[in-house]
């Protein structure tokens, strides 16, 4: 088997793919200029990518055909399997399943009608600690030789097709206090208003003080939230990004074996912030 075989097979069977970093800082980070937006099933492009990066991990955008439930089981963090037992889903659905390098699992489901957005743990619409949905705008790493990701020997795509998302696992209705205030206009600013300063300070404090097992979820949520404010012109975007990245760099390495790296933090902050800017808060100046 050559390095090109796996991505070409996935492209034919599952859909578009793209290459991701396989080692060092930013492992799992997209190698292409526009990340998952560059995903394709084109044989020539895929061949060129894996000729250039033969060891690249295989990324697949979620939310198109499939959504993926990421069950986290990292040492020192919440156990997603325990959470499943508490939300009336003690038996895993018979759907294609991947085992991850850290002992977790990826469960593949059919994308529900109307889509499904990414969630993190129990924040916002999340379904519980250690459970993350990878849906619209997200991606996962597919199993390939040397990746550390492996298909379950029984629950493989060749034997099972993805089933619909069980009702008990659908994201929750977002708490009213966490919903963007669409009916509250956001004034466009040139400098930093008192409201924006307070919001950014609160976000930075939440990121710096995020506990073990909740750091990534907190980082994503706070960067997304400030991004919605920047998208409405309520805070200078570049300044906000710099502050959020500074706060991210202050996060404690709870597990010294998996320290936070600058490249990884930059990618996570930029991705969540950009996603937030695409969903601006209510803006009286918008057309």
Protein backbone atom coordinates (compact mmCIF):
# COMPACT_ATOMS: atom_id res chain seq x y z
CA UNK A 1 0.00 0.00 0.00
CA UNK A 2 1.33 3.45 -0.91
CA UNK A 3 0.63 6.66 1.08
CA UNK A 4 -1.78 7.77 -1.67
CA UNK A 5 -4.00 4.69 -1.49
CA UNK A 6 -5.82 5.52 1.75
CA UNK A 7 -6.86 9.12 0.93
CA UNK A 8 -7.96 8.07 -2.56
CA UNK A 9 -10.03 5.22 -1.14
CA UNK A 10 -11.68 7.51 1.41
CA UNK A 11 -12.41 10.12 -1.26
CA UNK A 12 -14.20 7.47 -3.32
CA UNK A 13 -16.11 5.98 -0.39
CA UNK A 14 -16.78 8.83 2.04
CA UNK A 15 -16.25 12.12 0.22
CA UNK A 16 -13.80 15.03 0.20
CA UNK A 17 -10.52 14.84 2.13
CA UNK A 18 -7.52 17.09 2.81
CA UNK A 19 -4.02 16.63 4.34
CA UNK A 20 -3.14 17.50 7.94
CA UNK A 21 0.10 17.89 9.90
CA UNK A 22 1.28 14.53 11.24
CA UNK A 23 3.80 15.52 13.91
CA UNK A 24 5.13 18.24 16.16
CA UNK A 25 3.35 21.50 16.91
CA UNK A 26 -0.05 21.73 15.36
CA UNK A 27 -0.46 17.99 14.78
CA UNK A 28 -3.82 17.50 13.03
CA UNK A 29 -3.66 21.07 11.72
CA UNK A 30 -4.58 21.41 8.00
CA UNK A 31 -1.61 21.69 5.66
CA UNK A 32 -3.50 23.50 2.89
CA UNK A 33 -3.99 27.26 2.71
CA UNK A 34 -7.73 27.24 3.42
CA UNK A 35 -7.88 24.14 5.58
CA UNK A 36 -11.00 22.03 5.31
CA UNK A 37 -12.37 24.40 2.67
CA UNK A 38 -9.76 22.93 0.30
CA UNK A 39 -11.10 19.39 0.79
CA UNK A 40 -11.67 17.56 -2.48
CA UNK A 41 -12.27 14.19 -4.13
CA UNK A 42 -10.19 15.11 -7.17
CA UNK A 43 -7.71 12.31 -7.82
CA UNK A 44 -5.01 14.57 -9.29
CA UNK A 45 -5.10 17.02 -6.37
CA UNK A 46 -5.10 14.27 -3.73
CA UNK A 47 -2.21 12.53 -5.49
CA UNK A 48 -0.23 15.79 -5.54
CA UNK A 49 -0.88 16.43 -1.85
CA UNK A 50 0.23 13.00 -0.64
CA UNK A 51 3.18 12.98 -3.01
CA UNK A 52 4.33 16.17 -1.34
CA UNK A 53 3.37 15.04 2.21
CA UNK A 54 3.37 11.21 2.19
CA UNK A 55 3.01 11.00 5.99
CA UNK A 56 0.14 13.51 6.18
CA UNK A 57 -2.90 12.63 8.27
CA UNK A 58 -6.19 12.41 6.37
CA UNK A 59 -8.74 15.05 7.34
CA UNK A 60 -12.43 14.82 6.44
CA UNK A 61 -14.89 17.72 6.82
CA UNK A 62 -17.91 16.89 8.97
CA UNK A 63 -21.46 18.10 8.54
CA UNK A 64 -21.63 17.35 4.80
CA UNK A 65 -22.57 13.67 4.77
CA UNK A 66 -21.68 12.69 8.30
CA UNK A 67 -21.39 14.14 11.79
CA UNK A 68 -19.07 12.62 14.37
CA UNK A 69 -19.48 12.26 18.13
CA UNK A 70 -16.03 12.59 19.71
CA UNK A 71 -15.95 10.61 22.96
CA UNK A 72 -13.00 11.91 24.97
CA UNK A 73 -11.19 9.65 27.45
CA UNK A 74 -7.94 11.51 28.10
CA UNK A 75 -6.17 10.95 31.38
CA UNK A 76 -7.01 13.65 33.88
CA UNK A 77 -10.09 14.81 31.97
CA UNK A 78 -13.76 13.84 31.90
CA UNK A 79 -14.68 10.37 30.61
CA UNK A 80 -17.20 10.64 27.80
CA UNK A 81 -18.35 7.05 28.30
CA UNK A 82 -19.37 7.87 31.88
CA UNK A 83 -21.31 10.85 30.57
CA UNK A 84 -23.15 8.69 28.03
CA UNK A 85 -24.36 6.48 30.87
CA UNK A 86 -25.76 9.50 32.66
CA UNK A 87 -27.71 10.80 29.64
CA UNK A 88 -29.62 7.59 29.01
CA UNK A 89 -27.29 6.20 26.34
CA UNK A 90 -25.26 3.49 28.13
CA UNK A 91 -25.11 1.28 25.00
CA UNK A 92 -23.22 2.70 22.03
CA UNK A 93 -25.17 2.75 18.74
CA UNK A 94 -24.13 0.26 16.06
CA UNK A 95 -22.57 2.78 13.74
CA UNK A 96 -19.05 3.09 12.23
CA UNK A 97 -16.57 3.72 15.03
CA UNK A 98 -12.93 4.80 15.18
CA UNK A 99 -10.56 4.40 18.15
CA UNK A 100 -8.35 7.47 18.71
CA UNK A 101 -4.70 7.58 19.88
CA UNK A 102 -5.71 8.86 23.35
CA UNK A 103 -8.19 6.06 24.07
CA UNK A 104 -11.31 7.87 22.89
CA UNK A 105 -13.70 7.09 20.08
CA UNK A 106 -15.27 8.75 17.05
CA UNK A 107 -18.81 7.60 16.26
CA UNK A 108 -20.05 8.38 12.74
CA UNK A 109 -23.71 9.32 12.14
CA UNK A 110 -25.73 10.59 9.20
CA UNK A 111 -25.95 14.36 9.14
CA UNK A 112 -29.38 15.34 10.47
CA UNK A 113 -31.71 17.45 8.36
CA UNK A 114 -30.98 21.10 9.04
CA UNK A 115 -27.38 20.35 10.00
CA UNK A 116 -25.63 20.08 13.34
CA UNK A 117 -23.10 22.59 14.65
CA UNK A 118 -19.99 21.75 16.62
CA UNK A 119 -20.31 21.49 20.41
CA UNK A 120 -17.76 21.23 23.21
CA UNK A 121 -18.41 19.32 26.40
CA UNK A 122 -21.33 20.69 28.38
CA UNK A 123 -20.93 24.31 27.29
CA UNK A 124 -23.77 25.97 25.44
CA UNK A 125 -25.65 23.30 23.51
CA UNK A 126 -23.12 20.60 24.44
CA UNK A 127 -24.48 17.28 25.67
CA UNK A 128 -22.00 16.66 28.48
CA UNK A 129 -18.37 16.52 29.67
CA UNK A 130 -16.11 14.52 27.40
CA UNK A 131 -18.56 14.57 24.49
CA UNK A 132 -17.95 16.85 21.50
CA UNK A 133 -19.93 16.99 18.28
CA UNK A 134 -18.00 17.54 15.04
CA UNK A 135 -20.54 18.89 12.61
CA UNK A 136 -20.91 21.91 10.33
CA UNK A 137 -17.53 23.59 9.91
CA UNK A 138 -15.62 20.84 11.75
CA UNK A 139 -13.44 17.94 10.70
CA UNK A 140 -11.98 14.66 11.95
CA UNK A 141 -8.90 12.59 11.23
CA UNK A 142 -9.53 9.32 9.39
CA UNK A 143 -7.58 6.14 10.21
CA UNK A 144 -4.45 5.50 8.16
CA UNK A 145 -1.17 3.62 8.73
CA UNK A 146 0.87 5.25 11.47
CA UNK A 147 -1.83 7.77 12.42
CA UNK A 148 -2.83 6.13 15.70
CA UNK A 149 -6.46 6.12 14.56
CA UNK A 150 -7.99 2.70 13.83
CA UNK A 151 -11.38 1.44 12.73
CA UNK A 152 -13.18 -0.77 15.19
CA UNK A 153 -12.76 -4.30 13.85
CA UNK A 154 -16.49 -4.91 14.06
CA UNK A 155 -17.95 -1.45 13.54
CA UNK A 156 -16.33 -0.60 10.20
CA UNK A 157 -17.83 1.24 7.24
CA UNK A 158 -17.60 -1.98 5.25
CA UNK A 159 -20.06 -3.64 7.63
CA UNK A 160 -22.20 -0.81 8.98
CA UNK A 161 -23.58 2.37 7.50
CA UNK A 162 -23.90 5.47 9.69
CA UNK A 163 -27.24 5.57 11.52
CA UNK A 164 -29.27 8.70 12.35
CA UNK A 165 -28.25 10.61 15.49
CA UNK A 166 -30.24 9.23 18.46
CA UNK A 167 -32.57 11.84 19.93
CA UNK A 168 -30.86 11.59 23.33
CA UNK A 169 -27.55 12.64 21.75
CA UNK A 170 -28.78 15.68 19.84
CA UNK A 171 -27.37 19.02 21.05
CA UNK A 172 -29.42 20.71 23.74
CA UNK A 173 -31.36 23.90 23.30
CA UNK A 174 -28.94 26.67 24.07
CA UNK A 175 -29.56 28.28 27.48
CA UNK A 176 -31.25 31.64 27.09
CA UNK A 177 -28.51 33.44 28.99
CA UNK A 178 -25.88 32.16 26.54
CA UNK A 179 -27.70 33.06 23.34
CA UNK A 180 -26.45 36.07 21.37
CA UNK A 181 -28.72 39.02 22.01
CA UNK A 182 -30.04 39.39 18.46
CA UNK A 183 -32.48 42.06 19.60
CA UNK A 184 -29.70 44.07 21.27
CA UNK A 185 -27.91 46.18 18.66
CA UNK A 186 -24.13 46.37 18.81
CA UNK A 187 -22.63 49.78 18.18
CA UNK A 188 -19.69 49.84 15.80
CA UNK A 189 -16.58 51.21 17.47
CA UNK A 190 -13.15 52.48 16.45
CA UNK A 191 -11.47 52.11 19.82
CA UNK A 192 -12.39 49.86 22.74
CA UNK A 193 -15.72 50.60 24.43
CA UNK A 194 -16.32 49.84 28.12
CA UNK A 195 -18.65 47.01 27.11
CA UNK A 196 -16.07 45.48 24.76
CA UNK A 197 -13.29 45.88 27.33
CA UNK A 198 -15.37 44.08 29.96
CA UNK A 199 -16.34 41.29 27.56
CA UNK A 200 -12.74 40.74 26.46
CA UNK A 201 -11.45 40.83 30.04
CA UNK A 202 -14.05 38.26 31.09
CA UNK A 203 -13.17 36.00 28.15
CA UNK A 204 -9.43 36.20 28.89
CA UNK A 205 -9.96 35.37 32.56
CA UNK A 206 -12.16 32.40 31.66
CA UNK A 207 -9.49 31.04 29.29
CA UNK A 208 -6.61 31.49 31.73
CA UNK A 209 -8.51 29.90 34.61
CA UNK A 210 -10.13 27.05 32.66
CA UNK A 211 -9.82 23.79 34.63
CA UNK A 212 -8.29 20.55 33.42
CA UNK A 213 -10.54 18.85 30.89
CA UNK A 214 -12.33 22.08 29.99
CA UNK A 215 -9.50 24.15 28.52
CA UNK A 216 -10.15 23.48 24.83
CA UNK A 217 -13.92 23.84 25.21
CA UNK A 218 -13.48 27.13 27.10
CA UNK A 219 -10.97 28.46 24.57
CA UNK A 220 -13.27 27.68 21.64
CA UNK A 221 -16.37 29.10 23.32
CA UNK A 222 -14.77 32.36 24.46
CA UNK A 223 -13.00 33.00 21.13
CA UNK A 224 -16.25 32.30 19.27
CA UNK A 225 -18.16 34.69 21.55
CA UNK A 226 -15.70 37.55 21.12
CA UNK A 227 -15.65 36.78 17.40
CA UNK A 228 -19.41 37.41 17.21
CA UNK A 229 -18.80 40.80 18.82
CA UNK A 230 -15.98 41.61 16.38
CA UNK A 231 -18.15 40.47 13.47
CA UNK A 232 -20.71 43.10 14.42
CA UNK A 233 -18.02 45.79 14.63
CA UNK A 234 -18.30 45.99 18.42
CA UNK A 235 -14.59 45.41 19.09
CA UNK A 236 -11.41 45.80 16.97
CA UNK A 237 -10.86 42.33 15.54
CA UNK A 238 -7.07 42.28 15.38
CA UNK A 239 -6.70 43.60 18.94
CA UNK A 240 -9.23 41.06 20.23
CA UNK A 241 -7.42 38.17 18.52
CA UNK A 242 -4.10 39.21 20.05
CA UNK A 243 -5.58 39.37 23.56
CA UNK A 244 -7.27 35.98 23.17
CA UNK A 245 -4.03 34.41 21.95
CA UNK A 246 -2.15 35.98 24.87
CA UNK A 247 -4.71 34.49 27.26
CA UNK A 248 -4.43 31.10 25.56
CA UNK A 249 -0.67 31.13 26.06
CA UNK A 250 -1.21 31.60 29.80
CA UNK A 251 -3.17 28.34 30.11
CA UNK A 252 -1.54 25.84 32.42
CA UNK A 253 -0.11 22.59 31.04
CA UNK A 254 -2.12 20.23 33.26
CA UNK A 255 -0.54 17.24 31.51
CA UNK A 256 3.22 17.88 30.99
CA UNK A 257 3.27 15.08 28.41
CA UNK A 258 0.90 17.08 26.20
CA UNK A 259 1.92 20.72 26.61
CA UNK A 260 0.17 23.46 24.68
CA UNK A 261 2.19 24.62 21.67
CA UNK A 262 2.01 28.07 20.13
CA UNK A 263 1.13 26.80 16.65
CA UNK A 264 -1.74 24.74 18.04
CA UNK A 265 -3.06 27.65 20.10
CA UNK A 266 -2.84 30.06 17.16
CA UNK A 267 -4.85 27.67 15.01
CA UNK A 268 -7.57 27.09 17.63
CA UNK A 269 -7.95 30.79 18.44
CA UNK A 270 -8.07 31.82 14.78
CA UNK A 271 -10.57 29.10 13.84
CA UNK A 272 -13.04 29.78 16.67
CA UNK A 273 -12.71 33.57 16.31
CA UNK A 274 -13.32 33.42 12.54
CA UNK A 275 -16.34 31.18 13.09
CA UNK A 276 -17.73 33.75 15.52
CA UNK A 277 -17.18 36.59 13.07
CA UNK A 278 -19.27 34.69 10.53
CA UNK A 279 -22.15 34.81 13.04
CA UNK A 280 -22.14 38.48 14.18
CA UNK A 281 -24.32 39.62 17.03
CA UNK A 282 -27.30 41.84 16.26
CA UNK A 283 -26.11 44.98 14.46
CA UNK A 284 -28.33 47.98 13.85
CA UNK A 285 -26.04 49.02 10.99
CA UNK A 286 -26.39 45.77 9.07
CA UNK A 287 -28.26 45.84 5.79
